[in-house]
Amino acid sequence: MDNNQAVGGCHMETDSGSRERFRGYPVLERHLTVAGRTYVLCGPANHQDLLDDPAVAQRFEQDEYMPYWADLWPAATLLAEEVATWEPVADGTEAPTVLELGCGLGLVGLVAAARGYRVTVSDYDEDALAFVLESARRNGIAAPSTRLLDWRERYADLVVD
């Protein structure tokens, strides 16, 4: 581990020494402790590098797209701490459905899923959704549902508890 820090109420360690690649990106694993449980989040090693990607530049020209999903937002750690206080879903009980809107790296959705909720993670970028599924796998958490969303649209079928 080359970095230790507190982020919100979470403790985070990062490992950037990996040579692993996922969906074409060099991978950075972030190990975050939320309410006593450590979660592994994987994402692009350097979100700033995405700004030099020609595909990102092309998408920016089309609709001012920015790859915000690739950075761990401090608000996500604070919200994850709050979700970790939710009552776990009891065995044999139908789990409520929740939506993480603009999931980015998916920390909040993973915490909710670990507590037994039926989670849909959504984002404007398919790579974000793929990284969340990979993080769920690495954490041994049931894969959340994924939904590619355009914030400018309405989705009548997207209803959660």
N, C-alpha and C. Protein backbone atom coordinates (compact mmCIF):
# COMPACT_ATOMS: atom_id res chain seq x y z
N MET A 1 0.84 -1.17 0.00
CA MET A 1 0.00 0.00 0.00
C MET A 1 0.89 1.24 0.00
N ASP A 2 0.54 2.20 -0.82
CA ASP A 2 1.38 3.38 -0.86
C ASP A 2 0.68 4.62 -0.31
N ASN A 3 -0.57 4.49 0.13
CA ASN A 3 -1.29 5.67 0.58
C ASN A 3 -2.29 5.28 1.64
N ASN A 4 -2.30 5.98 2.77
CA ASN A 4 -3.27 5.80 3.83
C ASN A 4 -3.90 7.14 4.10
N GLN A 5 -5.22 7.19 4.19
CA GLN A 5 -5.85 8.45 4.54
C GLN A 5 -7.26 8.21 5.04
N ALA A 6 -7.78 9.19 5.75
CA ALA A 6 -9.17 9.18 6.16
C ALA A 6 -9.95 9.99 5.15
N VAL A 7 -11.06 9.45 4.70
CA VAL A 7 -11.93 10.13 3.75
C VAL A 7 -13.31 10.11 4.38
N GLY A 8 -13.83 11.27 4.74
CA GLY A 8 -15.09 11.29 5.46
C GLY A 8 -14.90 10.48 6.72
N GLY A 9 -15.81 9.59 7.05
CA GLY A 9 -15.66 8.71 8.20
C GLY A 9 -14.98 7.42 7.85
N CYS A 10 -14.54 7.28 6.61
CA CYS A 10 -13.93 6.05 6.12
C CYS A 10 -12.41 6.12 6.25
N HIS A 11 -11.83 4.96 6.37
CA HIS A 11 -10.37 4.85 6.28
C HIS A 11 -10.07 4.24 4.93
N MET A 12 -9.14 4.85 4.19
CA MET A 12 -8.83 4.36 2.84
C MET A 12 -7.35 4.11 2.68
N GLU A 13 -7.05 2.98 2.06
CA GLU A 13 -5.69 2.66 1.63
C GLU A 13 -5.78 2.39 0.14
N THR A 14 -4.78 2.85 -0.60
CA THR A 14 -4.78 2.60 -2.04
C THR A 14 -3.56 1.79 -2.42
N ASP A 15 -3.72 1.02 -3.47
CA ASP A 15 -2.62 0.23 -4.02
C ASP A 15 -2.49 0.58 -5.49
N SER A 16 -1.51 1.39 -5.82
CA SER A 16 -1.33 1.77 -7.21
C SER A 16 -0.16 1.04 -7.86
N GLY A 17 0.39 0.04 -7.17
CA GLY A 17 1.51 -0.71 -7.71
C GLY A 17 1.07 -1.82 -8.65
N SER A 18 -0.21 -1.98 -8.86
CA SER A 18 -0.74 -3.06 -9.68
C SER A 18 -0.45 -2.81 -11.16
N ARG A 19 -0.23 -3.88 -11.88
CA ARG A 19 -0.07 -3.80 -13.34
C ARG A 19 -1.35 -4.29 -14.03
N GLU A 20 -2.37 -4.55 -13.26
CA GLU A 20 -3.63 -5.06 -13.78
C GLU A 20 -4.31 -4.02 -14.66
N ARG A 21 -5.04 -4.53 -15.67
CA ARG A 21 -5.84 -3.66 -16.53
C ARG A 21 -7.26 -4.21 -16.55
N PHE A 22 -8.23 -3.32 -16.66
CA PHE A 22 -9.63 -3.69 -16.75
C PHE A 22 -10.29 -2.72 -17.71
N ARG A 23 -10.97 -3.24 -18.71
CA ARG A 23 -11.61 -2.42 -19.74
C ARG A 23 -10.64 -1.42 -20.37
N GLY A 24 -9.37 -1.82 -20.44
CA GLY A 24 -8.35 -0.99 -21.07
C GLY A 24 -7.67 0.00 -20.13
N TYR A 25 -8.13 0.11 -18.89
CA TYR A 25 -7.56 1.05 -17.94
C TYR A 25 -6.58 0.36 -16.99
N PRO A 26 -5.47 1.01 -16.66
CA PRO A 26 -4.69 0.52 -15.52
C PRO A 26 -5.57 0.66 -14.28
N VAL A 27 -5.52 -0.33 -13.39
CA VAL A 27 -6.44 -0.39 -12.25
C VAL A 27 -5.77 0.09 -10.96
N LEU A 28 -6.54 0.85 -10.19
CA LEU A 28 -6.17 1.23 -8.83
C LEU A 28 -7.20 0.59 -7.91
N GLU A 29 -6.72 -0.17 -6.92
CA GLU A 29 -7.62 -0.71 -5.89
C GLU A 29 -7.58 0.22 -4.70
N ARG A 30 -8.77 0.61 -4.26
CA ARG A 30 -8.91 1.40 -3.04
C ARG A 30 -9.54 0.50 -2.00
N HIS A 31 -8.95 0.43 -0.83
CA HIS A 31 -9.48 -0.37 0.27
C HIS A 31 -10.05 0.62 1.28
N LEU A 32 -11.37 0.63 1.39
CA LEU A 32 -12.04 1.58 2.28
C LEU A 32 -12.74 0.82 3.40
N THR A 33 -12.57 1.28 4.61
CA THR A 33 -13.26 0.69 5.74
C THR A 33 -14.44 1.59 6.07
N VAL A 34 -15.61 1.00 5.98
CA VAL A 34 -16.87 1.69 6.28
C VAL A 34 -17.56 0.90 7.38
N ALA A 35 -17.75 1.55 8.52
CA ALA A 35 -18.45 0.92 9.65
C ALA A 35 -17.84 -0.45 9.98
N GLY A 36 -16.52 -0.52 9.97
CA GLY A 36 -15.83 -1.73 10.37
C GLY A 36 -15.64 -2.79 9.29
N ARG A 37 -16.20 -2.59 8.13
CA ARG A 37 -16.04 -3.55 7.02
C ARG A 37 -15.19 -2.91 5.94
N THR A 38 -14.22 -3.66 5.42
CA THR A 38 -13.37 -3.15 4.36
C THR A 38 -13.96 -3.55 3.01
N TYR A 39 -14.07 -2.55 2.14
CA TYR A 39 -14.56 -2.73 0.77
C TYR A 39 -13.41 -2.45 -0.17
N VAL A 40 -13.33 -3.24 -1.24
CA VAL A 40 -12.35 -3.02 -2.29
C VAL A 40 -13.09 -2.37 -3.46
N LEU A 41 -12.64 -1.17 -3.82
CA LEU A 41 -13.18 -0.49 -5.00
C LEU A 41 -12.09 -0.49 -6.05
N CYS A 42 -12.43 -0.91 -7.24
CA CYS A 42 -11.44 -0.80 -8.30
C CYS A 42 -11.93 0.24 -9.30
N GLY A 43 -10.97 0.96 -9.85
CA GLY A 43 -11.27 1.99 -10.82
C GLY A 43 -10.01 2.33 -11.58
N PRO A 44 -10.11 3.25 -12.50
CA PRO A 44 -8.92 3.67 -13.24
C PRO A 44 -7.84 4.19 -12.28
N ALA A 45 -6.60 3.88 -12.58
CA ALA A 45 -5.50 4.25 -11.69
C ALA A 45 -5.37 5.77 -11.53
N ASN A 46 -5.61 6.51 -12.60
CA ASN A 46 -5.50 7.97 -12.51
C ASN A 46 -6.63 8.59 -13.32
N HIS A 47 -7.64 9.09 -12.61
CA HIS A 47 -8.79 9.65 -13.32
C HIS A 47 -8.40 10.85 -14.19
N GLN A 48 -7.33 11.56 -13.83
CA GLN A 48 -6.88 12.70 -14.63
C GLN A 48 -6.41 12.27 -16.02
N ASP A 49 -5.86 11.06 -16.12
CA ASP A 49 -5.39 10.56 -17.41
C ASP A 49 -6.52 10.42 -18.42
N LEU A 50 -7.74 10.23 -17.93
CA LEU A 50 -8.87 10.07 -18.84
C LEU A 50 -9.13 11.33 -19.64
N LEU A 51 -8.71 12.48 -19.12
CA LEU A 51 -8.93 13.74 -19.83
C LEU A 51 -8.13 13.81 -21.13
N ASP A 52 -7.04 13.02 -21.22
CA ASP A 52 -6.23 12.98 -22.43
C ASP A 52 -6.69 11.92 -23.43
N ASP A 53 -7.71 11.16 -23.07
CA ASP A 53 -8.22 10.09 -23.93
C ASP A 53 -8.99 10.72 -25.10
N PRO A 54 -8.65 10.39 -26.35
CA PRO A 54 -9.36 10.96 -27.50
C PRO A 54 -10.87 10.68 -27.48
N ALA A 55 -11.27 9.52 -26.97
CA ALA A 55 -12.71 9.22 -26.90
C ALA A 55 -13.42 10.17 -25.94
N VAL A 56 -12.76 10.51 -24.83
CA VAL A 56 -13.35 11.45 -23.88
C VAL A 56 -13.44 12.83 -24.53
N ALA A 57 -12.40 13.22 -25.24
CA ALA A 57 -12.41 14.53 -25.92
C ALA A 57 -13.55 14.59 -26.94
N GLN A 58 -13.77 13.50 -27.66
CA GLN A 58 -14.85 13.47 -28.65
C GLN A 58 -16.21 13.58 -27.96
N ARG A 59 -16.39 12.84 -26.86
CA ARG A 59 -17.66 12.92 -26.13
C ARG A 59 -17.86 14.31 -25.54
N PHE A 60 -16.77 14.94 -25.10
CA PHE A 60 -16.89 16.30 -24.57
C PHE A 60 -17.39 17.25 -25.65
N GLU A 61 -16.87 17.11 -26.86
CA GLU A 61 -17.31 17.96 -27.97
C GLU A 61 -18.80 17.77 -28.27
N GLN A 62 -19.29 16.54 -28.08
CA GLN A 62 -20.69 16.25 -28.39
C GLN A 62 -21.64 16.82 -27.33
N ASP A 63 -21.31 16.62 -26.04
CA ASP A 63 -22.25 17.05 -25.01
C ASP A 63 -21.60 17.43 -23.68
N GLU A 64 -20.35 17.87 -23.76
CA GLU A 64 -19.59 18.32 -22.58
C GLU A 64 -19.41 17.22 -21.53
N TYR A 65 -19.34 15.98 -21.99
CA TYR A 65 -19.10 14.83 -21.11
C TYR A 65 -17.76 14.96 -20.41
N MET A 66 -17.75 14.63 -19.12
CA MET A 66 -16.52 14.54 -18.34
C MET A 66 -16.56 13.23 -17.56
N PRO A 67 -15.44 12.54 -17.43
CA PRO A 67 -15.43 11.24 -16.75
C PRO A 67 -15.37 11.37 -15.22
N TYR A 68 -16.33 12.07 -14.66
CA TYR A 68 -16.36 12.27 -13.21
C TYR A 68 -16.47 10.95 -12.45
N TRP A 69 -17.03 9.95 -13.08
CA TRP A 69 -17.25 8.66 -12.43
C TRP A 69 -15.96 8.03 -11.93
N ALA A 70 -14.84 8.34 -12.53
CA ALA A 70 -13.59 7.63 -12.26
C ALA A 70 -12.87 8.08 -11.00
N ASP A 71 -13.39 9.10 -10.33
CA ASP A 71 -12.79 9.60 -9.09
C ASP A 71 -13.71 9.27 -7.93
N LEU A 72 -13.15 8.95 -6.78
CA LEU A 72 -13.95 8.69 -5.60
C LEU A 72 -14.31 10.02 -4.95
N TRP A 73 -15.58 10.37 -4.99
CA TRP A 73 -16.04 11.64 -4.45
C TRP A 73 -16.14 11.56 -2.93
N PRO A 74 -15.68 12.58 -2.22
CA PRO A 74 -15.80 12.58 -0.75
C PRO A 74 -17.24 12.39 -0.28
N ALA A 75 -18.22 12.92 -1.00
CA ALA A 75 -19.62 12.76 -0.60
C ALA A 75 -20.03 11.28 -0.61
N ALA A 76 -19.41 10.48 -1.46
CA ALA A 76 -19.74 9.05 -1.50
C ALA A 76 -19.35 8.37 -0.20
N THR A 77 -18.23 8.76 0.37
CA THR A 77 -17.81 8.13 1.63
C THR A 77 -18.74 8.54 2.77
N LEU A 78 -19.18 9.78 2.77
CA LEU A 78 -20.11 10.22 3.81
C LEU A 78 -21.45 9.51 3.68
N LEU A 79 -21.96 9.38 2.46
CA LEU A 79 -23.22 8.70 2.25
C LEU A 79 -23.09 7.21 2.56
N ALA A 80 -21.96 6.61 2.23
CA ALA A 80 -21.74 5.19 2.54
C ALA A 80 -21.79 4.97 4.05
N GLU A 81 -21.20 5.87 4.82
CA GLU A 81 -21.26 5.76 6.29
C GLU A 81 -22.71 5.82 6.77
N GLU A 82 -23.52 6.67 6.17
CA GLU A 82 -24.93 6.76 6.55
C GLU A 82 -25.68 5.48 6.18
N VAL A 83 -25.46 4.99 4.97
CA VAL A 83 -26.13 3.76 4.53
C VAL A 83 -25.73 2.58 5.41
N ALA A 84 -24.51 2.59 5.91
CA ALA A 84 -24.04 1.51 6.79
C ALA A 84 -24.80 1.48 8.11
N THR A 85 -25.53 2.54 8.43
CA THR A 85 -26.35 2.55 9.66
C THR A 85 -27.74 1.98 9.41
N TRP A 86 -28.11 1.75 8.14
CA TRP A 86 -29.42 1.17 7.84
C TRP A 86 -29.52 -0.22 8.45
N GLU A 87 -30.71 -0.56 8.86
CA GLU A 87 -30.95 -1.89 9.41
C GLU A 87 -30.70 -2.94 8.32
N PRO A 88 -29.92 -3.97 8.62
CA PRO A 88 -29.72 -5.02 7.61
C PRO A 88 -31.06 -5.70 7.30
N VAL A 89 -31.19 -6.17 6.08
CA VAL A 89 -32.41 -6.87 5.67
C VAL A 89 -32.38 -8.27 6.29
N ALA A 90 -33.43 -8.59 7.01
CA ALA A 90 -33.50 -9.88 7.70
C ALA A 90 -33.71 -11.01 6.69
N ASP A 91 -33.13 -12.17 6.99
CA ASP A 91 -33.32 -13.35 6.15
C ASP A 91 -34.81 -13.65 6.02
N GLY A 92 -35.23 -14.02 4.83
CA GLY A 92 -36.63 -14.35 4.59
C GLY A 92 -37.52 -13.14 4.38
N THR A 93 -36.94 -11.95 4.44
CA THR A 93 -37.69 -10.72 4.24
C THR A 93 -37.42 -10.21 2.83
N GLU A 94 -38.47 -9.69 2.18
CA GLU A 94 -38.24 -9.11 0.85
C GLU A 94 -37.43 -7.83 1.02
N ALA A 95 -36.32 -7.78 0.33
CA ALA A 95 -35.42 -6.62 0.45
C ALA A 95 -35.98 -5.42 -0.28
N PRO A 96 -35.94 -4.25 0.35
CA PRO A 96 -36.32 -3.03 -0.36
C PRO A 96 -35.35 -2.75 -1.51
N THR A 97 -35.85 -2.06 -2.53
CA THR A 97 -35.02 -1.68 -3.66
C THR A 97 -34.51 -0.26 -3.45
N VAL A 98 -33.26 -0.05 -3.83
CA VAL A 98 -32.65 1.28 -3.74
C VAL A 98 -31.92 1.58 -5.04
N LEU A 99 -31.74 2.86 -5.30
CA LEU A 99 -31.06 3.31 -6.51
C LEU A 99 -29.90 4.20 -6.11
N GLU A 100 -28.73 3.89 -6.62
CA GLU A 100 -27.61 4.82 -6.51
C GLU A 100 -27.53 5.56 -7.83
N LEU A 101 -27.88 6.82 -7.80
CA LEU A 101 -27.94 7.65 -9.00
C LEU A 101 -26.59 8.31 -9.20
N GLY A 102 -25.96 8.03 -10.35
CA GLY A 102 -24.62 8.55 -10.59
C GLY A 102 -23.62 7.84 -9.69
N CYS A 103 -23.55 6.53 -9.83
CA CYS A 103 -22.80 5.69 -8.88
C CYS A 103 -21.30 5.89 -8.91
N GLY A 104 -20.74 6.33 -10.02
CA GLY A 104 -19.29 6.45 -10.08
C GLY A 104 -18.64 5.10 -9.80
N LEU A 105 -17.83 5.02 -8.77
CA LEU A 105 -17.16 3.77 -8.41
C LEU A 105 -18.04 2.85 -7.58
N GLY A 106 -19.22 3.33 -7.14
CA GLY A 106 -20.23 2.45 -6.56
C GLY A 106 -20.15 2.14 -5.09
N LEU A 107 -19.39 2.89 -4.32
CA LEU A 107 -19.24 2.57 -2.90
C LEU A 107 -20.58 2.50 -2.18
N VAL A 108 -21.44 3.47 -2.38
CA VAL A 108 -22.72 3.52 -1.65
C VAL A 108 -23.57 2.31 -2.00
N GLY A 109 -23.65 1.98 -3.28
CA GLY A 109 -24.43 0.82 -3.70
C GLY A 109 -23.88 -0.48 -3.14
N LEU A 110 -22.56 -0.59 -3.07
CA LEU A 110 -21.96 -1.81 -2.52
C LEU A 110 -22.27 -1.95 -1.04
N VAL A 111 -22.23 -0.85 -0.30
CA VAL A 111 -22.56 -0.90 1.13
C VAL A 111 -24.02 -1.32 1.30
N ALA A 112 -24.93 -0.75 0.51
CA ALA A 112 -26.35 -1.12 0.59
C ALA A 112 -26.55 -2.59 0.24
N ALA A 113 -25.88 -3.05 -0.80
CA ALA A 113 -26.00 -4.46 -1.21
C ALA A 113 -25.47 -5.39 -0.12
N ALA A 114 -24.38 -5.00 0.53
CA ALA A 114 -23.82 -5.82 1.60
C ALA A 114 -24.79 -5.91 2.79
N ARG A 115 -25.68 -4.95 2.94
CA ARG A 115 -26.68 -4.95 4.01
C ARG A 115 -27.96 -5.67 3.59
N GLY A 116 -27.96 -6.20 2.35
CA GLY A 116 -29.06 -7.03 1.90
C GLY A 116 -30.10 -6.35 1.04
N TYR A 117 -29.90 -5.09 0.70
CA TYR A 117 -30.85 -4.37 -0.14
C TYR A 117 -30.69 -4.77 -1.60
N ARG A 118 -31.76 -4.68 -2.37
CA ARG A 118 -31.71 -4.92 -3.82
C ARG A 118 -31.33 -3.59 -4.46
N VAL A 119 -30.14 -3.53 -4.99
CA VAL A 119 -29.56 -2.27 -5.43
C VAL A 119 -29.50 -2.20 -6.95
N THR A 120 -29.84 -1.03 -7.46
CA THR A 120 -29.57 -0.69 -8.85
C THR A 120 -28.57 0.45 -8.82
N VAL A 121 -27.44 0.26 -9.46
CA VAL A 121 -26.47 1.34 -9.61
C VAL A 121 -26.65 1.91 -11.01
N SER A 122 -26.57 3.23 -11.11
CA SER A 122 -26.77 3.86 -12.41
C SER A 122 -25.69 4.90 -12.64
N ASP A 123 -25.39 5.09 -13.90
CA ASP A 123 -24.42 6.12 -14.27
C ASP A 123 -24.62 6.44 -15.75
N TYR A 124 -23.94 7.48 -16.17
CA TYR A 124 -23.98 7.95 -17.56
C TYR A 124 -22.89 7.28 -18.39
N ASP A 125 -22.07 6.46 -17.75
CA ASP A 125 -20.94 5.84 -18.42
C ASP A 125 -20.92 4.33 -18.17
N GLU A 126 -20.85 3.55 -19.24
CA GLU A 126 -20.84 2.09 -19.12
C GLU A 126 -19.62 1.58 -18.36
N ASP A 127 -18.49 2.27 -18.48
CA ASP A 127 -17.30 1.83 -17.77
C ASP A 127 -17.51 1.91 -16.26
N ALA A 128 -18.20 2.93 -15.79
CA ALA A 128 -18.49 3.04 -14.35
C ALA A 128 -19.26 1.81 -13.88
N LEU A 129 -20.27 1.42 -14.63
CA LEU A 129 -21.09 0.28 -14.25
C LEU A 129 -20.26 -1.02 -14.24
N ALA A 130 -19.39 -1.18 -15.21
CA ALA A 130 -18.53 -2.37 -15.28
C ALA A 130 -17.59 -2.42 -14.08
N PHE A 131 -17.01 -1.28 -13.70
CA PHE A 131 -16.13 -1.27 -12.53
C PHE A 131 -16.89 -1.60 -11.25
N VAL A 132 -18.13 -1.12 -11.11
CA VAL A 132 -18.92 -1.45 -9.92
C VAL A 132 -19.17 -2.95 -9.84
N LEU A 133 -19.52 -3.56 -10.97
CA LEU A 133 -19.73 -5.01 -10.97
C LEU A 133 -18.45 -5.76 -10.61
N GLU A 134 -17.32 -5.28 -11.11
CA GLU A 134 -16.05 -5.91 -10.76
C GLU A 134 -15.75 -5.75 -9.27
N SER A 135 -16.04 -4.59 -8.73
CA SER A 135 -15.83 -4.38 -7.29
C SER A 135 -16.75 -5.28 -6.47
N ALA A 136 -17.99 -5.44 -6.90
CA ALA A 136 -18.91 -6.34 -6.19
C ALA A 136 -18.34 -7.76 -6.17
N ARG A 137 -17.83 -8.19 -7.32
CA ARG A 137 -17.23 -9.53 -7.39
C ARG A 137 -16.06 -9.66 -6.43
N ARG A 138 -15.20 -8.66 -6.40
CA ARG A 138 -14.01 -8.72 -5.54
C ARG A 138 -14.39 -8.71 -4.05
N ASN A 139 -15.55 -8.15 -3.76
CA ASN A 139 -16.00 -8.08 -2.36
C ASN A 139 -16.90 -9.24 -1.96
N GLY A 140 -17.22 -10.12 -2.90
CA GLY A 140 -18.12 -11.23 -2.59
C GLY A 140 -19.54 -10.76 -2.29
N ILE A 141 -19.93 -9.66 -2.91
CA ILE A 141 -21.27 -9.08 -2.73
C ILE A 141 -22.08 -9.41 -3.98
N ALA A 142 -23.35 -9.73 -3.78
CA ALA A 142 -24.22 -10.00 -4.92
C ALA A 142 -24.18 -8.80 -5.86
N ALA A 143 -24.05 -9.09 -7.13
CA ALA A 143 -23.94 -8.02 -8.13
C ALA A 143 -25.22 -7.19 -8.15
N PRO A 144 -25.08 -5.88 -8.05
CA PRO A 144 -26.27 -5.04 -8.17
C PRO A 144 -26.74 -5.01 -9.62
N SER A 145 -27.99 -4.62 -9.81
CA SER A 145 -28.47 -4.35 -11.16
C SER A 145 -27.79 -3.08 -11.64
N THR A 146 -27.62 -2.97 -12.93
CA THR A 146 -27.01 -1.75 -13.48
C THR A 146 -27.98 -1.10 -14.45
N ARG A 147 -27.84 0.20 -14.55
CA ARG A 147 -28.71 0.96 -15.47
C ARG A 147 -27.92 2.14 -16.02
N LEU A 148 -27.78 2.16 -17.33
CA LEU A 148 -27.16 3.29 -18.01
C LEU A 148 -28.22 4.38 -18.13
N LEU A 149 -27.94 5.55 -17.58
CA LEU A 149 -28.92 6.64 -17.57
C LEU A 149 -28.32 7.91 -18.15
N ASP A 150 -29.16 8.65 -18.79
CA ASP A 150 -28.84 10.00 -19.23
C ASP A 150 -29.64 10.92 -18.31
N TRP A 151 -28.95 11.73 -17.52
CA TRP A 151 -29.60 12.57 -16.50
C TRP A 151 -30.65 13.51 -17.11
N ARG A 152 -30.54 13.73 -18.39
CA ARG A 152 -31.46 14.66 -19.05
C ARG A 152 -32.78 14.00 -19.46
N GLU A 153 -32.88 12.70 -19.24
CA GLU A 153 -34.08 11.95 -19.64
C GLU A 153 -34.88 11.53 -18.40
N ARG A 154 -36.13 11.16 -18.64
CA ARG A 154 -36.99 10.61 -17.59
C ARG A 154 -37.21 9.13 -17.89
N TYR A 155 -37.32 8.33 -16.84
CA TYR A 155 -37.49 6.88 -16.99
C TYR A 155 -38.69 6.44 -16.13
N ALA A 156 -39.84 6.32 -16.74
CA ALA A 156 -41.05 5.97 -16.01
C ALA A 156 -40.96 4.60 -15.37
N ASP A 157 -40.18 3.70 -15.97
CA ASP A 157 -40.06 2.34 -15.44
C ASP A 157 -39.09 2.22 -14.27
N LEU A 158 -38.37 3.27 -13.96
CA LEU A 158 -37.36 3.22 -12.90
C LEU A 158 -38.01 3.65 -11.58
N VAL A 159 -38.48 2.64 -10.85
CA VAL A 159 -39.18 2.88 -9.59
C VAL A 159 -38.50 2.03 -8.52
N VAL A 160 -38.14 2.68 -7.42
CA VAL A 160 -37.50 1.97 -6.31
C VAL A 160 -38.20 2.36 -5.01
N ASP A 161 -37.97 1.53 -3.99
CA ASP A 161 -38.58 1.81 -2.68
C ASP A 161 -37.98 3.05 -2.04
